[in-house]
């Protein structure tokens, strides 16, 4: 299975959009490890949900190929959500992830692989950071809307990924995931195509509970 090429940002003290982008460069080393570990975990969740035929992207940076992070451990699959962990240089990383049940437009475009992730990095004082990952570059300076039932959370974008614009809303988003019935993610590709993804929330509460004591 090919490695997944994903932009990665796990910022910690961010009050504004610009602050988080500045931290992105500084944490590039952690990105390499997370991407490779995520790729392995992804192969597990694809097999577990019966979509092992999904295509993934090759990881481009040559320096990423030199790194050899520990393979993630699949803790458990909870319906639509899987819980995983792996050991990083700064400590243990735990995360839950799911794939969309529907993708719109249904025809005419290549969506690639799309995921919704909530990660936890106790060693870096990061607790429950939601993130949307797309299979294509997002439009520059565009926003991604995450709608859980009747609650909307706005994410800023970088390359193929998006993070909550107002970090103070991250706990509220996670709480909404636990109590909600539906998750919808809307985005705009670099070509200007509007896309929408629907995720099942079945199992997300149990998956998050599983990584609650990540240490």
N, C-alpha and C. Protein backbone atom coordinates (compact mmCIF):
# COMPACT_ATOMS: atom_id res chain seq x y z
N UNK A 1 0.84 -1.19 0.00
CA UNK A 1 0.00 0.00 0.00
C UNK A 1 0.88 1.25 0.00
N UNK A 2 0.56 2.18 -0.88
CA UNK A 2 1.34 3.41 -0.99
C UNK A 2 1.19 4.26 0.26
N UNK A 3 2.23 5.04 0.56
CA UNK A 3 2.16 5.96 1.69
C UNK A 3 1.22 7.11 1.37
N UNK A 4 0.60 7.65 2.36
CA UNK A 4 -0.33 8.77 2.18
C UNK A 4 0.42 10.07 2.36
N UNK A 5 0.30 10.95 1.38
CA UNK A 5 0.96 12.26 1.49
C UNK A 5 -0.02 13.25 2.08
N UNK A 6 0.27 13.65 3.29
CA UNK A 6 -0.67 14.53 4.01
C UNK A 6 0.10 15.66 4.66
N UNK A 7 -0.37 16.87 4.47
CA UNK A 7 0.18 17.99 5.23
C UNK A 7 -0.21 17.82 6.68
N UNK A 8 0.71 18.12 7.59
CA UNK A 8 0.40 17.89 9.01
C UNK A 8 0.72 19.10 9.86
N UNK A 9 -0.22 19.46 10.70
CA UNK A 9 0.02 20.57 11.65
C UNK A 9 -0.56 20.17 12.98
N UNK A 10 0.27 20.09 14.02
CA UNK A 10 -0.22 19.81 15.35
C UNK A 10 0.24 20.96 16.24
N UNK A 11 -0.39 22.09 16.14
CA UNK A 11 0.03 23.30 16.83
C UNK A 11 -0.45 23.32 18.26
N UNK A 12 0.25 24.03 19.12
CA UNK A 12 -0.17 24.07 20.52
C UNK A 12 -0.58 25.45 20.96
N UNK A 13 -0.08 26.49 20.95
CA UNK A 13 -0.61 27.74 21.49
C UNK A 13 -0.98 28.65 20.36
N UNK A 14 -2.20 28.58 19.89
CA UNK A 14 -2.53 29.39 18.75
C UNK A 14 -3.74 30.25 19.03
N UNK A 15 -3.60 31.54 18.88
CA UNK A 15 -4.72 32.44 19.06
C UNK A 15 -5.29 32.85 17.73
N UNK A 16 -4.50 32.79 16.69
CA UNK A 16 -4.97 33.25 15.39
C UNK A 16 -4.43 32.35 14.31
N UNK A 17 -4.98 32.50 13.14
CA UNK A 17 -4.62 31.69 11.98
C UNK A 17 -3.13 31.74 11.70
N UNK A 18 -2.53 32.93 11.70
CA UNK A 18 -1.12 33.10 11.36
C UNK A 18 -0.21 32.39 12.35
N UNK A 19 -0.58 32.36 13.61
CA UNK A 19 0.24 31.70 14.63
C UNK A 19 0.37 30.22 14.36
N UNK A 20 -0.72 29.59 13.93
CA UNK A 20 -0.70 28.15 13.69
C UNK A 20 0.12 27.82 12.46
N UNK A 21 0.08 28.68 11.45
CA UNK A 21 0.86 28.43 10.24
C UNK A 21 2.35 28.53 10.53
N UNK A 22 2.75 29.44 11.41
CA UNK A 22 4.16 29.59 11.76
C UNK A 22 4.67 28.33 12.46
N UNK A 23 3.83 27.75 13.30
CA UNK A 23 4.24 26.56 14.04
C UNK A 23 4.35 25.35 13.13
N UNK A 24 3.66 25.40 11.98
CA UNK A 24 3.63 24.25 11.07
C UNK A 24 5.04 23.88 10.61
N UNK A 25 5.84 24.87 10.25
CA UNK A 25 7.20 24.61 9.78
C UNK A 25 8.06 24.01 10.88
N UNK A 26 7.92 24.52 12.08
CA UNK A 26 8.73 24.05 13.20
C UNK A 26 8.45 22.60 13.54
N UNK A 27 7.24 22.12 13.21
CA UNK A 27 6.87 20.77 13.60
C UNK A 27 6.93 19.81 12.43
N UNK A 28 7.70 20.16 11.40
CA UNK A 28 7.76 19.36 10.20
C UNK A 28 8.34 17.97 10.45
N UNK A 29 9.26 17.87 11.41
CA UNK A 29 9.83 16.56 11.71
C UNK A 29 8.78 15.62 12.25
N UNK A 30 7.90 16.13 13.10
CA UNK A 30 6.84 15.29 13.66
C UNK A 30 5.88 14.85 12.56
N UNK A 31 5.74 15.67 11.55
CA UNK A 31 4.86 15.33 10.43
C UNK A 31 5.31 14.05 9.76
N UNK A 32 6.61 13.91 9.54
CA UNK A 32 7.14 12.74 8.87
C UNK A 32 6.73 11.47 9.59
N UNK A 33 6.91 11.45 10.91
CA UNK A 33 6.57 10.27 11.68
C UNK A 33 5.07 10.01 11.67
N UNK A 34 4.28 11.07 11.82
CA UNK A 34 2.83 10.89 11.87
C UNK A 34 2.30 10.37 10.54
N UNK A 35 2.82 10.91 9.43
CA UNK A 35 2.34 10.50 8.11
C UNK A 35 2.59 9.02 7.88
N UNK A 36 3.79 8.55 8.19
CA UNK A 36 4.10 7.15 7.95
C UNK A 36 3.29 6.24 8.87
N UNK A 37 3.15 6.63 10.11
CA UNK A 37 2.35 5.83 11.04
C UNK A 37 0.89 5.85 10.64
N UNK A 38 0.41 7.02 10.21
CA UNK A 38 -0.97 7.13 9.78
C UNK A 38 -1.25 6.24 8.59
N UNK A 39 -0.28 6.15 7.67
CA UNK A 39 -0.46 5.32 6.48
C UNK A 39 -0.67 3.86 6.85
N UNK A 40 0.09 3.39 7.84
CA UNK A 40 -0.06 2.01 8.28
C UNK A 40 -1.41 1.80 8.95
N UNK A 41 -1.78 2.73 9.82
CA UNK A 41 -3.07 2.63 10.49
C UNK A 41 -4.20 2.70 9.49
N UNK A 42 -4.03 3.51 8.47
CA UNK A 42 -5.06 3.65 7.45
C UNK A 42 -5.31 2.34 6.75
N UNK A 43 -4.25 1.59 6.47
CA UNK A 43 -4.43 0.30 5.81
C UNK A 43 -5.27 -0.63 6.66
N UNK A 44 -5.13 -0.50 7.98
CA UNK A 44 -5.92 -1.33 8.89
C UNK A 44 -7.39 -0.93 8.87
N UNK A 45 -7.65 0.36 8.93
CA UNK A 45 -9.03 0.80 8.98
C UNK A 45 -9.74 0.56 7.66
N UNK A 46 -9.00 0.68 6.55
CA UNK A 46 -9.60 0.40 5.25
C UNK A 46 -10.01 -1.07 5.16
N UNK A 47 -9.14 -1.94 5.63
CA UNK A 47 -9.46 -3.35 5.62
C UNK A 47 -10.62 -3.65 6.55
N UNK A 48 -10.64 -2.99 7.70
CA UNK A 48 -11.69 -3.22 8.69
C UNK A 48 -13.05 -2.74 8.24
N UNK A 49 -13.09 -1.76 7.36
CA UNK A 49 -14.38 -1.24 6.92
C UNK A 49 -14.74 -1.73 5.53
N UNK A 50 -13.93 -2.65 4.99
CA UNK A 50 -14.29 -3.25 3.72
C UNK A 50 -14.02 -2.38 2.52
N UNK A 51 -13.08 -1.43 2.62
CA UNK A 51 -12.80 -0.59 1.46
C UNK A 51 -11.30 -0.61 1.16
N UNK A 52 -10.72 -1.79 1.24
CA UNK A 52 -9.29 -1.91 1.04
C UNK A 52 -8.85 -1.54 -0.36
N UNK A 53 -9.79 -1.44 -1.29
CA UNK A 53 -9.43 -1.09 -2.66
C UNK A 53 -9.25 0.40 -2.85
N UNK A 54 -9.48 1.20 -1.80
CA UNK A 54 -9.35 2.65 -1.93
C UNK A 54 -7.92 3.01 -2.29
N UNK A 55 -7.75 4.03 -3.13
CA UNK A 55 -6.43 4.44 -3.57
C UNK A 55 -5.83 5.42 -2.57
N UNK A 56 -4.51 5.34 -2.37
CA UNK A 56 -3.81 6.30 -1.52
C UNK A 56 -2.67 6.92 -2.29
N UNK A 57 -2.17 8.02 -1.81
CA UNK A 57 -1.13 8.77 -2.50
C UNK A 57 0.25 8.41 -1.97
N UNK A 58 1.23 8.50 -2.87
CA UNK A 58 2.60 8.26 -2.45
C UNK A 58 3.11 9.46 -1.66
N UNK A 59 3.92 9.16 -0.69
CA UNK A 59 4.52 10.25 0.08
C UNK A 59 5.74 10.74 -0.67
N UNK A 60 5.78 12.04 -0.98
CA UNK A 60 6.80 12.59 -1.85
C UNK A 60 8.14 12.89 -1.20
N UNK A 61 8.19 13.56 -0.05
CA UNK A 61 9.49 14.00 0.47
C UNK A 61 10.46 12.85 0.68
N UNK A 62 11.64 12.96 0.10
CA UNK A 62 12.63 11.90 0.22
C UNK A 62 13.06 11.71 1.66
N UNK A 63 13.13 12.80 2.40
CA UNK A 63 13.57 12.68 3.78
C UNK A 63 12.58 11.88 4.62
N UNK A 64 11.31 11.87 4.22
CA UNK A 64 10.31 11.12 4.96
C UNK A 64 10.55 9.63 4.83
N UNK A 65 11.14 9.23 3.68
CA UNK A 65 11.38 7.81 3.47
C UNK A 65 12.49 7.31 4.39
N UNK A 66 13.36 8.21 4.83
CA UNK A 66 14.48 7.80 5.66
C UNK A 66 14.05 7.53 7.09
N UNK A 67 12.97 8.16 7.52
CA UNK A 67 12.52 7.97 8.89
C UNK A 67 11.90 6.59 9.05
N UNK A 68 12.00 6.03 10.22
CA UNK A 68 11.44 4.70 10.47
C UNK A 68 10.67 4.72 11.78
N UNK A 69 9.49 5.33 11.79
CA UNK A 69 8.72 5.41 13.02
C UNK A 69 8.16 4.05 13.41
N UNK A 70 7.88 3.89 14.67
CA UNK A 70 7.26 2.66 15.13
C UNK A 70 5.88 2.52 14.51
N UNK A 71 5.55 1.31 14.10
CA UNK A 71 4.24 1.07 13.51
C UNK A 71 3.16 1.30 14.55
N UNK A 72 2.04 1.90 14.15
CA UNK A 72 0.97 2.13 15.12
C UNK A 72 0.28 0.84 15.53
N UNK A 73 -0.28 0.86 16.68
CA UNK A 73 -1.05 -0.27 17.18
C UNK A 73 -2.52 0.02 17.01
N UNK A 74 -3.22 -0.89 16.40
CA UNK A 74 -4.66 -0.73 16.28
C UNK A 74 -5.26 -1.20 17.60
N UNK A 75 -5.74 -0.25 18.37
CA UNK A 75 -6.28 -0.57 19.68
C UNK A 75 -7.59 -1.34 19.54
N UNK A 76 -8.51 -0.76 18.80
CA UNK A 76 -9.80 -1.43 18.60
C UNK A 76 -10.61 -0.66 17.56
N UNK A 77 -11.48 -1.39 16.85
CA UNK A 77 -12.41 -0.76 15.91
C UNK A 77 -13.77 -0.66 16.59
N UNK A 78 -14.34 0.54 16.56
CA UNK A 78 -15.65 0.77 17.15
C UNK A 78 -16.60 1.21 16.04
N UNK A 79 -17.27 0.25 15.44
CA UNK A 79 -18.17 0.54 14.32
C UNK A 79 -17.43 1.35 13.25
N UNK A 80 -17.82 2.62 13.03
CA UNK A 80 -17.23 3.41 11.95
C UNK A 80 -15.90 4.05 12.33
N UNK A 81 -15.51 3.97 13.59
CA UNK A 81 -14.30 4.66 14.06
C UNK A 81 -13.27 3.68 14.61
N UNK A 82 -12.02 3.89 14.24
CA UNK A 82 -10.94 3.08 14.76
C UNK A 82 -10.08 3.88 15.72
N UNK A 83 -9.54 3.21 16.73
CA UNK A 83 -8.65 3.86 17.71
C UNK A 83 -7.25 3.29 17.52
N UNK A 84 -6.24 4.16 17.50
CA UNK A 84 -4.87 3.76 17.23
C UNK A 84 -3.90 4.48 18.16
N UNK A 85 -2.70 3.93 18.28
CA UNK A 85 -1.64 4.61 19.03
C UNK A 85 -0.30 4.24 18.43
N UNK A 86 0.68 5.10 18.63
CA UNK A 86 2.05 4.77 18.25
C UNK A 86 2.99 5.62 19.09
N UNK A 87 4.23 5.18 19.17
CA UNK A 87 5.22 5.86 19.99
C UNK A 87 6.02 6.83 19.13
N UNK A 88 5.94 8.11 19.45
CA UNK A 88 6.70 9.14 18.75
C UNK A 88 7.87 9.59 19.61
N UNK A 89 8.74 10.39 19.04
CA UNK A 89 9.90 10.85 19.79
C UNK A 89 9.53 11.65 21.02
N UNK A 90 8.43 12.41 20.93
CA UNK A 90 8.01 13.26 22.05
C UNK A 90 7.03 12.55 22.98
N UNK A 91 6.77 11.27 22.72
CA UNK A 91 5.85 10.53 23.57
C UNK A 91 4.80 9.81 22.76
N UNK A 92 3.90 9.18 23.45
CA UNK A 92 2.86 8.39 22.80
C UNK A 92 1.82 9.28 22.14
N UNK A 93 1.38 8.86 20.97
CA UNK A 93 0.33 9.57 20.24
C UNK A 93 -0.84 8.62 20.06
N UNK A 94 -2.04 9.09 20.36
CA UNK A 94 -3.24 8.30 20.16
C UNK A 94 -4.20 9.08 19.26
N UNK A 95 -4.97 8.37 18.46
CA UNK A 95 -5.93 9.06 17.62
C UNK A 95 -7.05 8.13 17.19
N UNK A 96 -8.16 8.73 16.82
CA UNK A 96 -9.28 7.99 16.26
C UNK A 96 -9.52 8.55 14.86
N UNK A 97 -10.00 7.70 13.96
CA UNK A 97 -10.26 8.18 12.61
C UNK A 97 -11.41 7.42 11.98
N UNK A 98 -12.01 8.05 10.97
CA UNK A 98 -13.10 7.43 10.23
C UNK A 98 -13.05 7.89 8.78
N UNK A 99 -13.72 7.17 7.92
CA UNK A 99 -13.82 7.53 6.51
C UNK A 99 -15.27 7.88 6.20
N UNK A 100 -15.51 8.73 5.19
CA UNK A 100 -16.88 9.15 4.90
C UNK A 100 -17.74 8.03 4.34
N UNK A 101 -19.02 8.10 4.65
CA UNK A 101 -19.98 7.13 4.11
C UNK A 101 -20.51 7.58 2.76
N UNK A 102 -20.53 8.90 2.51
CA UNK A 102 -20.94 9.43 1.21
C UNK A 102 -20.02 10.57 0.81
N UNK A 103 -19.83 10.72 -0.50
CA UNK A 103 -19.01 11.80 -1.05
C UNK A 103 -19.80 12.49 -2.16
N UNK A 104 -19.85 13.81 -2.11
CA UNK A 104 -20.56 14.58 -3.13
C UNK A 104 -19.63 15.64 -3.71
N UNK A 105 -19.70 15.87 -5.04
CA UNK A 105 -20.53 15.22 -6.04
C UNK A 105 -20.20 13.73 -6.15
N UNK A 106 -21.21 12.95 -6.46
CA UNK A 106 -21.05 11.51 -6.52
C UNK A 106 -20.28 11.07 -7.76
N UNK A 107 -20.32 11.87 -8.81
CA UNK A 107 -19.63 11.52 -10.06
C UNK A 107 -18.91 12.74 -10.62
N UNK A 108 -17.99 12.47 -11.52
CA UNK A 108 -17.33 13.55 -12.25
C UNK A 108 -16.04 14.07 -11.66
N UNK A 109 -15.71 13.70 -10.42
CA UNK A 109 -14.45 14.16 -9.82
C UNK A 109 -13.80 13.02 -9.04
N UNK A 110 -12.51 13.16 -8.87
CA UNK A 110 -11.75 12.19 -8.08
C UNK A 110 -11.56 12.75 -6.67
N UNK A 111 -12.28 12.20 -5.72
CA UNK A 111 -12.20 12.70 -4.34
C UNK A 111 -10.91 12.28 -3.65
N UNK A 112 -10.29 11.21 -4.11
CA UNK A 112 -9.14 10.69 -3.39
C UNK A 112 -9.60 10.09 -2.07
N UNK A 113 -8.72 10.09 -1.09
CA UNK A 113 -9.04 9.52 0.23
C UNK A 113 -9.28 10.64 1.23
N UNK A 114 -10.38 10.55 1.94
CA UNK A 114 -10.76 11.60 2.88
C UNK A 114 -10.99 10.98 4.26
N UNK A 115 -10.60 11.70 5.30
CA UNK A 115 -10.69 11.19 6.67
C UNK A 115 -11.03 12.30 7.65
N UNK A 116 -11.60 11.90 8.76
CA UNK A 116 -11.76 12.83 9.88
C UNK A 116 -11.04 12.19 11.06
N UNK A 117 -10.19 12.96 11.70
CA UNK A 117 -9.31 12.45 12.75
C UNK A 117 -9.42 13.31 14.00
N UNK A 118 -9.32 12.67 15.15
CA UNK A 118 -9.16 13.39 16.42
C UNK A 118 -7.95 12.77 17.10
N UNK A 119 -6.91 13.57 17.30
CA UNK A 119 -5.67 13.06 17.87
C UNK A 119 -5.45 13.57 19.29
N UNK A 120 -4.62 12.83 20.00
CA UNK A 120 -4.29 13.19 21.38
C UNK A 120 -2.81 12.96 21.58
N UNK A 121 -2.08 14.00 22.04
CA UNK A 121 -0.64 13.91 22.24
C UNK A 121 -0.29 14.38 23.64
N UNK A 122 -0.43 13.54 24.63
CA UNK A 122 -0.18 13.95 26.03
C UNK A 122 1.20 14.54 26.25
N UNK A 123 2.22 13.96 25.61
CA UNK A 123 3.58 14.44 25.81
C UNK A 123 3.82 15.84 25.28
N UNK A 124 2.91 16.32 24.42
CA UNK A 124 3.03 17.66 23.85
C UNK A 124 1.92 18.57 24.33
N UNK A 125 1.22 18.13 25.36
CA UNK A 125 0.12 18.91 25.94
C UNK A 125 -0.96 19.24 24.91
N UNK A 126 -1.21 18.31 24.02
CA UNK A 126 -2.27 18.47 23.02
C UNK A 126 -3.35 17.45 23.33
N UNK A 127 -4.54 17.92 23.56
CA UNK A 127 -5.64 17.04 23.92
C UNK A 127 -6.77 17.18 22.91
N UNK A 128 -7.10 16.10 22.26
CA UNK A 128 -8.24 16.04 21.34
C UNK A 128 -8.21 17.15 20.29
N UNK A 129 -7.35 17.02 19.32
CA UNK A 129 -7.28 17.98 18.23
C UNK A 129 -7.97 17.39 17.00
N UNK A 130 -9.13 17.94 16.60
CA UNK A 130 -9.83 17.46 15.41
C UNK A 130 -9.13 17.94 14.14
N UNK A 131 -9.23 17.13 13.10
CA UNK A 131 -8.57 17.47 11.85
C UNK A 131 -9.29 16.78 10.69
N UNK A 132 -9.48 17.48 9.60
CA UNK A 132 -10.06 16.90 8.38
C UNK A 132 -8.95 16.75 7.36
N UNK A 133 -8.85 15.59 6.75
CA UNK A 133 -7.84 15.34 5.73
C UNK A 133 -8.54 15.02 4.41
N UNK A 134 -8.13 15.69 3.34
CA UNK A 134 -8.73 15.50 2.04
C UNK A 134 -7.79 14.77 1.09
N UNK A 135 -8.34 14.26 0.02
CA UNK A 135 -7.53 13.57 -0.97
C UNK A 135 -7.09 14.46 -2.10
N UNK A 136 -7.15 15.77 -1.91
CA UNK A 136 -6.79 16.73 -2.95
C UNK A 136 -6.44 18.07 -2.29
N UNK A 137 -5.70 18.93 -2.98
CA UNK A 137 -5.36 20.24 -2.41
C UNK A 137 -6.61 21.11 -2.26
N UNK A 138 -6.68 21.81 -1.16
CA UNK A 138 -7.81 22.71 -0.91
C UNK A 138 -7.51 24.11 -1.45
N UNK A 139 -8.55 24.84 -1.75
CA UNK A 139 -8.41 26.19 -2.27
C UNK A 139 -7.69 27.06 -1.25
N UNK A 140 -6.74 27.86 -1.73
CA UNK A 140 -5.99 28.74 -0.84
C UNK A 140 -6.91 29.68 -0.08
N UNK A 141 -6.66 29.80 1.21
CA UNK A 141 -7.42 30.70 2.10
C UNK A 141 -8.90 30.33 2.22
N UNK A 142 -9.25 29.13 1.79
CA UNK A 142 -10.65 28.70 1.93
C UNK A 142 -10.90 28.17 3.33
N UNK A 143 -12.15 27.98 3.66
CA UNK A 143 -12.54 27.43 4.95
C UNK A 143 -13.25 26.09 4.73
N UNK A 144 -13.18 25.26 5.72
CA UNK A 144 -13.91 24.00 5.73
C UNK A 144 -14.94 24.09 6.84
N UNK A 145 -16.18 23.76 6.52
CA UNK A 145 -17.24 23.77 7.53
C UNK A 145 -17.49 22.35 8.01
N UNK A 146 -17.48 22.19 9.31
CA UNK A 146 -17.82 20.91 9.93
C UNK A 146 -19.14 21.10 10.64
N UNK A 147 -20.16 20.38 10.19
CA UNK A 147 -21.50 20.53 10.76
C UNK A 147 -21.87 19.24 11.48
N UNK A 148 -22.12 19.35 12.76
CA UNK A 148 -22.55 18.20 13.57
C UNK A 148 -23.94 18.52 14.07
N UNK A 149 -24.92 17.80 13.54
CA UNK A 149 -26.32 18.13 13.77
C UNK A 149 -26.55 19.59 13.38
N UNK A 150 -26.88 20.47 14.30
CA UNK A 150 -27.13 21.87 13.96
C UNK A 150 -26.00 22.80 14.39
N UNK A 151 -24.83 22.23 14.72
CA UNK A 151 -23.70 23.04 15.16
C UNK A 151 -22.63 23.08 14.08
N UNK A 152 -22.15 24.29 13.78
CA UNK A 152 -21.14 24.47 12.73
C UNK A 152 -19.82 24.94 13.32
N UNK A 153 -18.74 24.30 12.89
CA UNK A 153 -17.39 24.66 13.31
C UNK A 153 -16.58 24.97 12.06
N UNK A 154 -15.86 26.09 12.09
CA UNK A 154 -15.09 26.53 10.92
C UNK A 154 -13.63 26.12 11.07
N UNK A 155 -13.09 25.57 10.00
CA UNK A 155 -11.68 25.16 9.99
C UNK A 155 -10.91 25.97 8.95
N UNK A 156 -9.65 26.29 9.26
CA UNK A 156 -8.78 26.89 8.26
C UNK A 156 -8.04 25.77 7.53
N UNK A 157 -7.50 26.07 6.36
CA UNK A 157 -6.92 25.03 5.52
C UNK A 157 -5.44 25.25 5.25
N UNK A 158 -4.76 24.15 4.99
CA UNK A 158 -3.35 24.16 4.59
C UNK A 158 -3.12 22.92 3.74
N UNK A 159 -2.85 23.13 2.44
CA UNK A 159 -2.64 22.02 1.52
C UNK A 159 -3.88 21.13 1.47
N UNK A 160 -3.78 19.90 2.01
CA UNK A 160 -4.89 18.96 1.94
C UNK A 160 -5.59 18.76 3.28
N UNK A 161 -5.28 19.59 4.26
CA UNK A 161 -5.83 19.37 5.60
C UNK A 161 -6.46 20.63 6.16
N UNK A 162 -7.24 20.44 7.22
CA UNK A 162 -7.93 21.57 7.86
C UNK A 162 -8.00 21.35 9.36
N UNK A 163 -7.90 22.46 10.12
CA UNK A 163 -7.95 22.43 11.57
C UNK A 163 -8.89 23.51 12.07
N UNK A 164 -9.40 23.33 13.27
CA UNK A 164 -10.36 24.28 13.84
C UNK A 164 -9.72 25.67 13.92
N UNK A 165 -10.39 26.64 13.33
CA UNK A 165 -9.84 27.99 13.27
C UNK A 165 -9.71 28.61 14.66
N UNK A 166 -10.71 28.41 15.49
CA UNK A 166 -10.69 28.91 16.86
C UNK A 166 -10.41 27.73 17.77
N UNK A 167 -9.16 27.64 18.26
CA UNK A 167 -8.76 26.49 19.06
C UNK A 167 -9.63 26.30 20.29
N UNK A 168 -10.21 27.37 20.79
CA UNK A 168 -11.07 27.28 21.98
C UNK A 168 -12.32 26.46 21.70
N UNK A 169 -12.65 26.26 20.42
CA UNK A 169 -13.84 25.49 20.06
C UNK A 169 -13.57 24.00 19.91
N UNK A 170 -12.32 23.61 20.01
CA UNK A 170 -11.99 22.19 19.83
C UNK A 170 -12.72 21.29 20.84
N UNK A 171 -12.73 21.63 22.14
CA UNK A 171 -13.48 20.78 23.08
C UNK A 171 -14.96 20.70 22.75
N UNK A 172 -15.54 21.80 22.27
CA UNK A 172 -16.96 21.81 21.92
C UNK A 172 -17.21 20.91 20.72
N UNK A 173 -16.28 20.90 19.76
CA UNK A 173 -16.45 20.04 18.59
C UNK A 173 -16.40 18.57 19.01
N UNK A 174 -15.45 18.24 19.86
CA UNK A 174 -15.34 16.85 20.33
C UNK A 174 -16.58 16.45 21.11
N UNK A 175 -17.10 17.35 21.94
CA UNK A 175 -18.32 17.07 22.70
C UNK A 175 -19.49 16.85 21.75
N UNK A 176 -19.53 17.64 20.67
CA UNK A 176 -20.61 17.50 19.69
C UNK A 176 -20.51 16.16 18.97
N UNK A 177 -19.29 15.71 18.70
CA UNK A 177 -19.12 14.40 18.08
C UNK A 177 -19.71 13.30 18.96
N UNK A 178 -19.47 13.41 20.25
CA UNK A 178 -19.94 12.38 21.18
C UNK A 178 -21.46 12.35 21.30
N UNK A 179 -22.08 13.51 21.22
CA UNK A 179 -23.53 13.57 21.42
C UNK A 179 -24.32 13.65 20.12
N UNK A 180 -23.62 13.85 19.01
CA UNK A 180 -24.31 14.08 17.74
C UNK A 180 -24.76 12.82 17.02
N UNK A 181 -25.52 13.06 15.96
CA UNK A 181 -26.04 11.96 15.15
C UNK A 181 -25.45 11.94 13.75
N UNK A 182 -25.01 13.11 13.26
CA UNK A 182 -24.46 13.17 11.90
C UNK A 182 -23.32 14.17 11.83
N UNK A 183 -22.35 13.87 10.99
CA UNK A 183 -21.20 14.74 10.77
C UNK A 183 -21.08 15.01 9.28
N UNK A 184 -21.06 16.28 8.91
CA UNK A 184 -20.93 16.66 7.50
C UNK A 184 -19.78 17.64 7.36
N UNK A 185 -18.93 17.39 6.39
CA UNK A 185 -17.77 18.24 6.12
C UNK A 185 -17.89 18.80 4.71
N UNK A 186 -17.86 20.12 4.57
CA UNK A 186 -17.93 20.75 3.25
C UNK A 186 -16.64 21.52 3.00
N UNK A 187 -16.12 21.40 1.78
CA UNK A 187 -14.84 22.02 1.44
C UNK A 187 -14.86 22.50 0.00
N UNK A 188 -13.80 23.22 -0.37
CA UNK A 188 -13.64 23.69 -1.74
C UNK A 188 -12.25 23.32 -2.22
N UNK A 189 -12.18 22.60 -3.33
CA UNK A 189 -10.89 22.17 -3.85
C UNK A 189 -10.14 23.33 -4.48
N UNK A 190 -8.87 23.12 -4.74
CA UNK A 190 -8.03 24.15 -5.35
C UNK A 190 -8.59 24.58 -6.70
N UNK A 191 -9.33 23.68 -7.36
CA UNK A 191 -9.94 24.00 -8.66
C UNK A 191 -11.26 24.73 -8.51
N UNK A 192 -11.70 24.89 -7.27
CA UNK A 192 -12.95 25.60 -7.03
C UNK A 192 -14.17 24.72 -6.95
N UNK A 193 -13.99 23.42 -6.92
CA UNK A 193 -15.10 22.48 -6.82
C UNK A 193 -15.57 22.34 -5.38
N UNK A 194 -16.86 22.52 -5.16
CA UNK A 194 -17.42 22.32 -3.83
C UNK A 194 -17.65 20.85 -3.56
N UNK A 195 -17.26 20.39 -2.38
CA UNK A 195 -17.41 18.98 -2.02
C UNK A 195 -18.05 18.85 -0.65
N UNK A 196 -18.72 17.73 -0.45
CA UNK A 196 -19.38 17.46 0.83
C UNK A 196 -19.18 15.99 1.20
N UNK A 197 -18.86 15.75 2.46
CA UNK A 197 -18.65 14.39 2.95
C UNK A 197 -19.48 14.15 4.20
N UNK A 198 -20.11 13.00 4.25
CA UNK A 198 -20.92 12.63 5.40
C UNK A 198 -20.24 11.48 6.13
N UNK A 199 -20.15 11.60 7.44
CA UNK A 199 -19.53 10.56 8.26
C UNK A 199 -20.54 10.01 9.26
N UNK A 200 -20.42 8.73 9.53
CA UNK A 200 -21.21 8.13 10.60
C UNK A 200 -20.53 8.43 11.93
N UNK A 201 -21.32 8.73 12.93
CA UNK A 201 -20.77 8.96 14.27
C UNK A 201 -20.92 7.73 15.16
N UNK A 202 -21.34 6.64 14.55
CA UNK A 202 -21.51 5.41 15.31
C UNK A 202 -20.15 4.89 15.77
N UNK A 203 -19.95 4.82 17.06
CA UNK A 203 -18.71 4.30 17.62
C UNK A 203 -17.70 5.36 18.01
N UNK A 204 -17.96 6.64 17.66
CA UNK A 204 -16.96 7.66 17.95
C UNK A 204 -16.77 7.89 19.45
N UNK A 205 -17.86 7.82 20.21
CA UNK A 205 -17.76 8.03 21.66
C UNK A 205 -16.91 6.95 22.31
N UNK A 206 -17.14 5.70 21.91
CA UNK A 206 -16.36 4.59 22.46
C UNK A 206 -14.89 4.69 22.04
N UNK A 207 -14.65 5.11 20.80
CA UNK A 207 -13.28 5.24 20.32
C UNK A 207 -12.53 6.33 21.09
N UNK A 208 -13.19 7.47 21.30
CA UNK A 208 -12.57 8.55 22.06
C UNK A 208 -12.34 8.14 23.51
N UNK A 209 -13.26 7.38 24.05
CA UNK A 209 -13.11 6.89 25.42
C UNK A 209 -11.88 5.99 25.53
N UNK A 210 -11.65 5.23 24.47
CA UNK A 210 -10.53 4.29 24.47
C UNK A 210 -9.18 5.01 24.55
N UNK A 211 -9.08 6.19 23.92
CA UNK A 211 -7.79 6.91 23.94
C UNK A 211 -7.76 8.00 25.02
N UNK A 212 -8.77 8.01 25.85
CA UNK A 212 -8.87 9.04 26.89
C UNK A 212 -7.67 9.06 27.82
N UNK A 213 -7.15 7.89 28.12
CA UNK A 213 -6.03 7.79 29.05
C UNK A 213 -4.71 7.52 28.34
N UNK A 214 -4.59 8.06 27.14
CA UNK A 214 -3.35 7.89 26.37
C UNK A 214 -2.18 8.48 27.15
N UNK A 215 -1.16 7.68 27.39
CA UNK A 215 0.01 8.13 28.15
C UNK A 215 1.29 7.58 27.52
